[in-house]
Structure formats: structure tokens, C-alpha cells
Amino acid sequence: MSVFIEEHRKVFILALVIVLITFSFVMLLFEAKDSRAETLITPIDSVSVESNQ
């Protein structure tokens, strides 16, 4: 029985690590999308501000 628990503990830890890596990767992707959107938006904003003046 203890061998059974040890084997499943390894699998559980492995699954947990995979989930954490996937989650952090997804967060990095979302952050990259946000920063890209901001860099696209800022030049448009500065142009519109200049035309208003």
C-alpha cells in the first residue's frame, strides 16, 4: 500500500508542476498581449492629443 501511495505522490507532484508551468506560461502570454496592445494604443493617443492642440 505504501508503494502505491509513493507512486501516486510522484504523479501528483508531476501533475502539479505541469499545471503551475502551464498557468505561468498562460499569464506570460496574457501579459505579452496586454503590453502589445498598450504599445499599439499609445502612439494613436499621442497623435490624437497633438491634433486636438
Protein backbone atom coordinates (compact mmCIF):
# COMPACT_ATOMS: atom_id res chain seq x y z
CA MET A 1 0.00 0.00 0.00
CA SER A 2 2.82 2.42 0.85
CA VAL A 3 4.41 1.76 -2.58
CA PHE A 4 1.06 2.64 -4.18
CA ILE A 5 0.97 5.96 -2.29
CA GLU A 6 4.60 6.77 -3.21
CA GLU A 7 3.93 6.18 -6.91
CA HIS A 8 0.85 8.38 -6.88
CA ARG A 9 2.66 11.09 -4.93
CA LYS A 10 5.21 11.32 -7.75
CA VAL A 11 2.43 11.52 -10.33
CA PHE A 12 0.59 14.14 -8.26
CA ILE A 13 3.71 16.31 -7.87
CA LEU A 14 4.44 15.97 -11.59
CA ALA A 15 0.87 16.99 -12.46
CA LEU A 16 1.09 19.95 -10.04
CA VAL A 17 4.36 21.13 -11.63
CA ILE A 18 2.85 20.84 -15.13
CA VAL A 19 -0.21 22.85 -14.06
CA LEU A 20 1.98 25.57 -12.50
CA ILE A 21 4.18 25.81 -15.61
CA THR A 22 1.12 25.96 -17.87
CA PHE A 23 -0.50 28.61 -15.69
CA SER A 24 2.61 30.79 -15.61
CA PHE A 25 3.01 30.37 -19.39
CA VAL A 26 -0.60 31.49 -19.95
CA MET A 27 -0.08 34.50 -17.66
CA LEU A 28 3.06 35.44 -19.63
CA LEU A 29 1.08 35.22 -22.86
CA PHE A 30 -1.65 37.46 -21.48
CA GLU A 31 0.94 39.98 -20.22
CA ALA A 32 2.59 39.99 -23.64
CA LYS A 33 -0.78 40.62 -25.30
CA ASP A 34 -1.53 43.49 -22.87
CA SER A 35 1.83 45.18 -23.41
CA ARG A 36 1.48 44.78 -27.17
CA ALA A 37 -1.98 46.35 -27.05
CA GLU A 38 -0.62 49.23 -24.96
CA THR A 39 2.22 49.89 -27.41
CA LEU A 40 -0.32 49.91 -30.25
CA ILE A 41 -2.67 52.26 -28.39
CA THR A 42 -0.14 54.82 -27.08
CA PRO A 43 1.00 56.20 -30.47
CA ILE A 44 -2.65 56.65 -31.51
CA ASP A 45 -3.36 58.50 -28.24
CA SER A 46 -0.37 60.81 -28.64
CA VAL A 47 -1.37 61.60 -32.24
CA SER A 48 -4.95 62.42 -31.24
CA VAL A 49 -3.70 64.66 -28.40
CA GLU A 50 -1.40 66.53 -30.81
CA SER A 51 -4.23 67.06 -33.33
CA ASN A 52 -6.50 68.38 -30.55
CA GLN A 53 -3.95 71.02 -29.58
